[in-house]
């Protein structure tokens, strides 16, 4: 299950492009302060996914990305 979370989170960098991704056996969560950050997080999550003979899988990861403007 993937959750799309748009919220003002003090732990997420102030840049509009910033986002956090958490992937575990319980699912994936993308958190961002803006829709731009949420979009960037979704793009990164798609890049992390790999296809296997059993379907699409994601690695367990916790990451914070704050791209410079």
C-alpha atoms as a PDB file:
ATOM      1  CA  UNK A   1       0.000   0.000   0.000  1.00  0.00           C
ATOM      2  CA  UNK A   2       1.275   3.498  -0.833  1.00  0.00           C
ATOM      3  CA  UNK A   3       0.157   6.511   1.156  1.00  0.00           C
ATOM      4  CA  UNK A   4       0.318   9.996  -0.362  1.00  0.00           C
ATOM      5  CA  UNK A   5       0.782  12.438   2.481  1.00  0.00           C
ATOM      6  CA  UNK A   6       0.844  16.191   1.938  1.00  0.00           C
ATOM      7  CA  UNK A   7       1.523  17.980   5.200  1.00  0.00           C
ATOM      8  CA  UNK A   8       3.574  20.694   6.733  1.00  0.00           C
ATOM      9  CA  UNK A   9       6.190  18.756   8.612  1.00  0.00           C
ATOM     10  CA  UNK A  10       8.925  20.560  10.503  1.00  0.00           C
ATOM     11  CA  UNK A  11      11.297  17.672   9.895  1.00  0.00           C
ATOM     12  CA  UNK A  12      11.099  18.228   6.146  1.00  0.00           C
ATOM     13  CA  UNK A  13      13.376  20.883   4.706  1.00  0.00           C
ATOM     14  CA  UNK A  14      11.825  24.251   3.897  1.00  0.00           C
ATOM     15  CA  UNK A  15      12.534  23.987   0.154  1.00  0.00           C
ATOM     16  CA  UNK A  16       9.420  23.509  -1.973  1.00  0.00           C
ATOM     17  CA  UNK A  17      11.007  20.508  -3.693  1.00  0.00           C
ATOM     18  CA  UNK A  18      11.797  18.638  -0.450  1.00  0.00           C
ATOM     19  CA  UNK A  19      10.193  15.294   0.418  1.00  0.00           C
ATOM     20  CA  UNK A  20      10.629  12.262   2.642  1.00  0.00           C
ATOM     21  CA  UNK A  21      10.117   8.647   1.588  1.00  0.00           C
ATOM     22  CA  UNK A  22       9.672   5.789   4.043  1.00  0.00           C
ATOM     23  CA  UNK A  23       9.302   2.258   2.683  1.00  0.00           C
ATOM     24  CA  UNK A  24       8.873  -0.764   4.946  1.00  0.00           C
ATOM     25  CA  UNK A  25       7.040  -4.073   4.887  1.00  0.00           C
ATOM     26  CA  UNK A  26       3.922  -2.079   5.889  1.00  0.00           C
ATOM     27  CA  UNK A  27       3.993   0.035   2.723  1.00  0.00           C
ATOM     28  CA  UNK A  28       5.386   3.305   1.412  1.00  0.00           C
ATOM     29  CA  UNK A  29       4.760   6.848   2.611  1.00  0.00           C
ATOM     30  CA  UNK A  30       5.737  10.028   0.809  1.00  0.00           C
ATOM     31  CA  UNK A  31       5.596  13.231   2.876  1.00  0.00           C
ATOM     32  CA  UNK A  32       6.133  16.740   1.545  1.00  0.00           C
ATOM     33  CA  UNK A  33       5.368  20.366   2.387  1.00  0.00           C
ATOM     34  CA  UNK A  34       4.106  21.139  -1.135  1.00  0.00           C
ATOM     35  CA  UNK A  35       2.563  19.367  -4.109  1.00  0.00           C
ATOM     36  CA  UNK A  36       5.851  19.956  -5.955  1.00  0.00           C
ATOM     37  CA  UNK A  37       7.695  18.000  -3.265  1.00  0.00           C
ATOM     38  CA  UNK A  38       5.053  15.271  -3.380  1.00  0.00           C
ATOM     39  CA  UNK A  39       5.498  15.009  -7.162  1.00  0.00           C
ATOM     40  CA  UNK A  40       9.282  14.739  -6.779  1.00  0.00           C
ATOM     41  CA  UNK A  41       8.838  12.048  -4.137  1.00  0.00           C
ATOM     42  CA  UNK A  42       6.547  10.067  -6.421  1.00  0.00           C
ATOM     43  CA  UNK A  43       9.118  10.267  -9.221  1.00  0.00           C
ATOM     44  CA  UNK A  44      11.850   8.973  -6.909  1.00  0.00           C
ATOM     45  CA  UNK A  45       9.631   6.182  -5.597  1.00  0.00           C
ATOM     46  CA  UNK A  46       8.961   5.077  -9.178  1.00  0.00           C
ATOM     47  CA  UNK A  47      12.717   5.003  -9.839  1.00  0.00           C
ATOM     48  CA  UNK A  48      13.287   2.833  -6.759  1.00  0.00           C
ATOM     49  CA  UNK A  49      10.772   0.199  -7.903  1.00  0.00           C
ATOM     50  CA  UNK A  50      12.076  -2.869  -9.689  1.00  0.00           C
ATOM     51  CA  UNK A  51      10.105  -5.546 -11.493  1.00  0.00           C
ATOM     52  CA  UNK A  52      10.655  -9.184 -10.609  1.00  0.00           C
ATOM     53  CA  UNK A  53       8.963 -12.373 -11.695  1.00  0.00           C
ATOM     54  CA  UNK A  54       6.652 -11.897  -8.676  1.00  0.00           C
ATOM     55  CA  UNK A  55       5.732  -8.298  -9.515  1.00  0.00           C
ATOM     56  CA  UNK A  56       6.974  -4.847  -8.562  1.00  0.00           C
ATOM     57  CA  UNK A  57       9.033  -4.468  -5.377  1.00  0.00           C
ATOM     58  CA  UNK A  58      10.488  -1.563  -3.442  1.00  0.00           C
ATOM     59  CA  UNK A  59      13.569  -1.649  -1.235  1.00  0.00           C
ATOM     60  CA  UNK A  60      13.143  -0.795   2.434  1.00  0.00           C
ATOM     61  CA  UNK A  61      14.370   2.782   2.712  1.00  0.00           C
ATOM     62  CA  UNK A  62      14.013   5.985   4.707  1.00  0.00           C
ATOM     63  CA  UNK A  63      15.259   9.046   2.854  1.00  0.00           C
ATOM     64  CA  UNK A  64      14.983  12.817   2.961  1.00  0.00           C
ATOM     65  CA  UNK A  65      15.680  14.722  -0.238  1.00  0.00           C
ATOM     66  CA  UNK A  66      15.916  18.504  -0.430  1.00  0.00           C
ATOM     67  CA  UNK A  67      17.053  19.529  -3.871  1.00  0.00           C
ATOM     68  CA  UNK A  68      18.683  22.928  -4.176  1.00  0.00           C
ATOM     69  CA  UNK A  69      17.005  25.460  -6.432  1.00  0.00           C
END
